[in-house]
Amino acid sequence: MTSVQPATHPLLTREFTRRAADAWVRAADAGVIDAAELVWLLNHLAAESARPEANG
């Protein structure tokens, strides 16, 4: 058996997406990132999470 185990869950789950979006909104509220960066991050996160799962 190798030390590398196959992934049993999709890389981007709804929970990951929710937590990432929440963290980025909090970062924008704190002034760590600006509104344009927040929009870019959220748009790309939505694009990634909308991809269908790969089977096989």
Protein backbone atom coordinates (compact mmCIF):
# COMPACT_ATOMS: atom_id res chain seq x y z
CA MET A 1 0.00 0.00 0.00
CA THR A 2 1.33 3.43 -0.87
CA SER A 3 1.25 6.51 1.29
CA VAL A 4 -0.90 8.29 -1.30
CA GLN A 5 -4.57 7.49 -0.87
CA PRO A 6 -7.16 8.22 -3.56
CA ALA A 7 -9.44 11.14 -2.88
CA THR A 8 -12.90 10.02 -1.85
CA HIS A 9 -14.47 13.49 -1.83
CA PRO A 10 -14.59 16.16 -4.51
CA LEU A 11 -11.92 18.82 -4.04
CA LEU A 12 -14.45 21.63 -3.83
CA THR A 13 -17.36 20.77 -1.62
CA ARG A 14 -20.23 23.04 -0.68
CA GLU A 15 -18.76 23.33 2.82
CA PHE A 16 -15.38 24.41 1.43
CA THR A 17 -17.06 26.93 -0.86
CA ARG A 18 -19.11 28.36 2.01
CA ARG A 19 -16.12 28.63 4.33
CA ALA A 20 -13.90 30.19 1.67
CA ALA A 21 -16.52 32.78 0.76
CA ASP A 22 -17.08 33.58 4.44
CA ALA A 23 -13.34 34.02 5.04
CA TRP A 24 -12.94 36.29 2.02
CA VAL A 25 -15.89 38.45 3.05
CA ARG A 26 -14.39 38.79 6.54
CA ALA A 27 -11.03 39.72 4.98
CA ALA A 28 -12.73 42.41 2.90
CA ASP A 29 -14.55 43.71 5.99
CA ALA A 30 -11.22 43.94 7.81
CA GLY A 31 -9.61 45.81 4.90
CA VAL A 32 -7.16 43.01 4.08
CA ILE A 33 -8.47 42.77 0.52
CA ASP A 34 -10.40 45.35 -1.47
CA ALA A 35 -13.82 45.00 -3.09
CA ALA A 36 -12.42 44.25 -6.55
CA GLU A 37 -10.34 41.38 -5.17
CA LEU A 38 -13.34 40.04 -3.28
CA VAL A 39 -15.48 40.08 -6.43
CA TRP A 40 -12.72 38.33 -8.41
CA LEU A 41 -12.27 35.64 -5.74
CA LEU A 42 -15.98 34.96 -5.39
CA ASN A 43 -16.49 34.81 -9.16
CA HIS A 44 -13.69 32.29 -9.55
CA LEU A 45 -14.85 30.22 -6.60
CA ALA A 46 -18.34 30.03 -8.10
CA ALA A 47 -16.88 28.98 -11.46
CA GLU A 48 -14.83 26.22 -9.86
CA SER A 49 -17.66 24.86 -7.72
CA ALA A 50 -20.05 24.78 -10.69
CA ARG A 51 -17.89 22.28 -12.55
CA PRO A 52 -19.34 18.78 -12.78
CA GLU A 53 -17.57 16.04 -10.87
CA ALA A 54 -15.12 13.92 -12.81
CA ASN A 55 -16.14 10.28 -12.88
CA GLY A 56 -13.40 7.84 -13.51
